[in-house]
Amino acid sequence: MARDPSGCCLGEIRCGGVCSSDHDERAKSLDFTMPISESTMAYVKRKGDDRIKALKDLSGKTLGVQQGGASFQVLPDLEAALKTSGGKLGQIVQYGAFSEAYQDLANKRLDAVIHNIVSLSTLISEKGATYELGERVGKKSYAAWAVQKGNNGVTAFLNAFLAEQKKNGNFKKLQAEHLKIAFDLPDQPLLPGDRPMK
């Protein structure tokens, strides 16, 4: 059975069992449920590094990102944000694996690492004595369940289930338990930057 990049099967199965970020290209071939998480980029710094207190303080700093990944792709947004306060991007170091970037951050070869906020929240929950979560970087984006395009019955079923979990309070409890962070999320799928699906 063929699979598309989101994890949805083409043919018999109508819904991916994995999350997929709601991006423009994927929205052409897939439908999405309401978001189940944010997938916005953020930065992490060394615990107690008082040189970095806000996004603007990343100006001129050495930053770690994943080679060619979403953290690399958010750099133009960061550069634009830094320019508004007279700042600029510093040195960018690309890594094949975030574990190497985190190690270099701990060893003071980097000033911050950019990654998605859920992964960073998990890192903080495990190594909060070493790292500290910073602010979001770039456009807000979400993760949602991907459903085969046009399978409205499955999408509606999943959205009804998610809405019930929000209503009864389980949604945020599950987020806090498994993602180590909880979000207030919209009740409809959105593209990065809170843009409506086309």
Protein backbone atom coordinates (compact mmCIF):
# COMPACT_ATOMS: atom_id res chain seq x y z
CA MET A 1 0.00 0.00 0.00
CA ALA A 2 1.42 3.41 -0.95
CA ARG A 3 2.02 6.01 1.73
CA ASP A 4 2.22 9.76 1.48
CA PRO A 5 4.70 11.82 3.58
CA SER A 6 2.16 12.64 6.29
CA GLY A 7 1.62 9.00 7.23
CA CYS A 8 -1.82 8.69 5.62
CA CYS A 9 -2.27 5.54 3.60
CA LEU A 10 -3.62 5.89 0.11
CA GLY A 11 -6.50 3.51 -0.38
CA GLU A 12 -7.97 1.48 2.45
CA ILE A 13 -6.99 3.55 5.49
CA ARG A 14 -8.47 7.01 5.69
CA CYS A 15 -6.53 8.66 8.50
CA GLY A 16 -2.90 8.91 9.51
CA GLY A 17 -2.04 7.72 12.98
CA VAL A 18 0.68 10.33 13.24
CA CYS A 19 0.55 14.09 13.45
CA SER A 20 1.31 16.25 10.49
CA SER A 21 2.01 19.94 10.53
CA ASP A 22 -0.58 21.96 8.66
CA HIS A 23 1.51 23.33 5.81
CA ASP A 24 0.39 24.76 2.49
CA GLU A 25 1.75 21.91 0.35
CA ARG A 26 0.17 19.15 2.44
CA ALA A 27 -3.15 20.98 2.56
CA LYS A 28 -3.48 20.45 -1.21
CA SER A 29 -3.71 16.67 -0.85
CA LEU A 30 -4.91 16.15 2.74
CA ASP A 31 -7.58 17.39 5.12
CA PHE A 32 -6.73 18.11 8.75
CA THR A 33 -8.55 17.91 12.04
CA MET A 34 -8.57 20.78 14.49
CA PRO A 35 -5.03 21.19 15.91
CA ILE A 36 -3.87 18.84 18.64
CA SER A 37 -0.70 20.79 19.41
CA GLU A 38 1.36 23.77 18.42
CA SER A 39 4.43 23.06 16.32
CA THR A 40 5.74 26.63 16.40
CA MET A 41 9.50 27.10 16.57
CA ALA A 42 11.05 28.48 19.77
CA TYR A 43 14.53 28.77 21.21
CA VAL A 44 16.26 27.18 24.17
CA LYS A 45 19.23 28.69 25.98
CA ARG A 46 21.51 27.60 28.80
CA LYS A 47 19.88 27.90 32.19
CA GLY A 48 20.82 31.19 33.82
CA ASP A 49 22.26 32.83 30.67
CA ASP A 50 21.12 36.37 31.48
CA ARG A 51 22.39 37.75 28.16
CA ILE A 52 19.26 36.32 26.53
CA LYS A 53 15.98 37.43 28.06
CA ALA A 54 13.86 37.98 24.95
CA LEU A 55 13.84 37.22 21.23
CA LYS A 56 15.65 40.48 20.41
CA ASP A 57 18.60 39.30 22.52
CA LEU A 58 19.36 36.61 19.92
CA SER A 59 20.86 39.40 17.79
CA GLY A 60 24.45 38.54 16.89
CA LYS A 61 24.35 35.26 18.84
CA THR A 62 25.52 31.86 17.59
CA LEU A 63 22.44 29.72 16.95
CA GLY A 64 22.04 26.02 16.28
CA VAL A 65 19.41 24.73 13.82
CA GLN A 66 18.66 21.46 12.06
CA GLN A 67 20.24 21.22 8.65
CA GLY A 68 17.53 22.07 6.10
CA GLY A 69 14.76 21.52 8.67
CA ALA A 70 11.94 23.70 9.97
CA SER A 71 14.26 25.46 12.42
CA PHE A 72 16.49 26.45 9.50
CA GLN A 73 13.48 27.56 7.45
CA VAL A 74 12.30 29.94 10.20
CA LEU A 75 15.53 31.98 10.05
CA PRO A 76 14.13 34.60 7.61
CA ASP A 77 11.30 35.28 10.10
CA LEU A 78 13.82 35.60 12.92
CA GLU A 79 16.00 37.90 10.84
CA ALA A 80 12.99 40.16 10.09
CA ALA A 81 12.02 40.23 13.79
CA LEU A 82 15.56 41.12 14.84
CA LYS A 83 15.74 43.94 12.28
CA THR A 84 12.73 45.65 13.89
CA SER A 85 14.85 46.26 16.99
CA GLY A 86 18.06 47.09 15.10
CA GLY A 87 19.49 43.59 15.45
CA LYS A 88 20.81 41.01 13.02
CA LEU A 89 21.39 37.28 12.70
CA GLY A 90 24.68 36.02 14.08
CA GLN A 91 26.47 32.83 13.13
CA ILE A 92 24.19 29.91 12.22
CA VAL A 93 25.45 26.36 12.81
CA GLN A 94 23.51 23.54 11.14
CA TYR A 95 23.30 20.09 12.74
CA GLY A 96 22.15 16.70 11.51
CA ALA A 97 20.83 15.85 14.98
CA PHE A 98 19.50 18.10 17.72
CA SER A 99 21.31 16.06 20.39
CA GLU A 100 24.61 17.42 19.04
CA ALA A 101 23.25 20.98 19.07
CA TYR A 102 22.06 20.64 22.67
CA GLN A 103 25.49 19.32 23.69
CA ASP A 104 27.21 22.27 22.02
CA LEU A 105 24.79 24.63 23.77
CA ALA A 106 25.63 23.08 27.14
CA ASN A 107 29.36 23.37 26.31
CA LYS A 108 28.99 27.09 25.40
CA ARG A 109 29.77 26.63 21.70
CA LEU A 110 26.24 27.91 20.94
CA ASP A 111 24.13 30.61 22.56
CA ALA A 112 20.74 29.09 21.67
CA VAL A 113 19.12 26.28 19.68
CA ILE A 114 15.92 26.70 17.63
CA HIS A 115 13.51 23.75 17.51
CA ASN A 116 9.75 23.17 17.78
CA ILE A 117 8.22 24.16 21.10
CA VAL A 118 7.00 20.66 22.00
CA SER A 119 10.44 19.09 21.56
CA LEU A 120 11.97 21.90 23.60
CA SER A 121 9.36 21.47 26.36
CA THR A 122 10.25 17.79 26.54
CA LEU A 123 13.94 18.70 26.74
CA ILE A 124 13.25 21.14 29.59
CA SER A 125 11.20 18.52 31.47
CA GLU A 126 14.17 16.14 31.32
CA LYS A 127 17.07 18.59 31.66
CA GLY A 128 15.64 21.70 33.27
CA ALA A 129 18.78 22.21 35.34
CA THR A 130 20.76 22.74 32.12
CA TYR A 131 18.38 24.42 29.67
CA GLU A 132 15.71 27.13 29.73
CA LEU A 133 12.88 27.65 27.25
CA GLY A 134 12.79 30.99 25.45
CA GLU A 135 10.19 32.69 23.28
CA ARG A 136 8.53 31.49 20.10
CA VAL A 137 10.28 32.20 16.79
CA GLY A 138 8.41 32.85 13.55
CA LYS A 139 4.81 32.19 12.60
CA LYS A 140 2.57 30.16 14.87
CA SER A 141 1.98 26.71 13.40
CA TYR A 142 0.09 23.61 14.45
CA ALA A 143 0.13 19.83 14.31
CA ALA A 144 -3.07 17.96 13.53
CA TRP A 145 -4.24 14.55 12.40
CA ALA A 146 -4.10 14.19 8.63
CA VAL A 147 -7.08 12.64 6.86
CA GLN A 148 -7.41 11.55 3.25
CA LYS A 149 -8.73 14.50 1.22
CA GLY A 150 -12.52 14.54 0.96
CA ASN A 151 -13.16 11.95 3.68
CA ASN A 152 -15.42 14.33 5.57
CA GLY A 153 -17.01 11.65 7.74
CA VAL A 154 -13.70 10.65 9.31
CA THR A 155 -12.64 14.28 9.75
CA ALA A 156 -15.96 15.12 11.43
CA PHE A 157 -15.72 12.05 13.71
CA LEU A 158 -12.20 12.96 14.83
CA ASN A 159 -13.11 16.62 15.34
CA ALA A 160 -16.11 15.62 17.47
CA PHE A 161 -13.85 13.41 19.59
CA LEU A 162 -11.29 16.21 20.03
CA ALA A 163 -14.01 18.74 20.86
CA GLU A 164 -15.35 16.42 23.58
CA GLN A 165 -11.84 16.02 25.05
CA LYS A 166 -11.49 19.80 25.16
CA LYS A 167 -14.89 20.18 26.79
CA ASN A 168 -14.29 17.59 29.52
CA GLY A 169 -10.78 18.88 30.33
CA ASN A 170 -8.87 15.78 29.21
CA PHE A 171 -7.28 17.54 26.25
CA LYS A 172 -4.97 19.81 28.26
CA LYS A 173 -4.25 17.07 30.79
CA LEU A 174 -3.07 14.78 28.00
CA GLN A 175 -1.00 17.56 26.46
CA ALA A 176 0.68 18.34 29.78
CA GLU A 177 1.37 14.66 30.44
CA HIS A 178 2.69 13.70 27.02
CA LEU A 179 3.94 16.95 25.48
CA LYS A 180 5.07 18.59 28.75
CA ILE A 181 3.22 21.75 27.72
CA ALA A 182 -0.46 22.66 27.18
CA PHE A 183 -1.90 25.00 24.57
CA ASP A 184 -5.07 26.98 23.89
CA LEU A 185 -5.78 25.87 20.34
CA PRO A 186 -8.25 26.91 17.65
CA ASP A 187 -11.25 24.70 16.84
CA GLN A 188 -10.47 24.58 13.13
CA PRO A 189 -7.36 23.69 11.13
CA LEU A 190 -5.12 26.64 10.28
CA LEU A 191 -2.04 27.12 8.14
CA PRO A 192 1.12 28.70 9.63
CA GLY A 193 0.52 32.29 10.70
CA ASP A 194 -3.09 31.48 11.66
CA ARG A 195 -4.18 31.54 8.02
CA PRO A 196 -7.41 29.70 7.10
CA MET A 197 -7.23 26.53 5.04
CA LYS A 198 -7.98 27.16 1.37
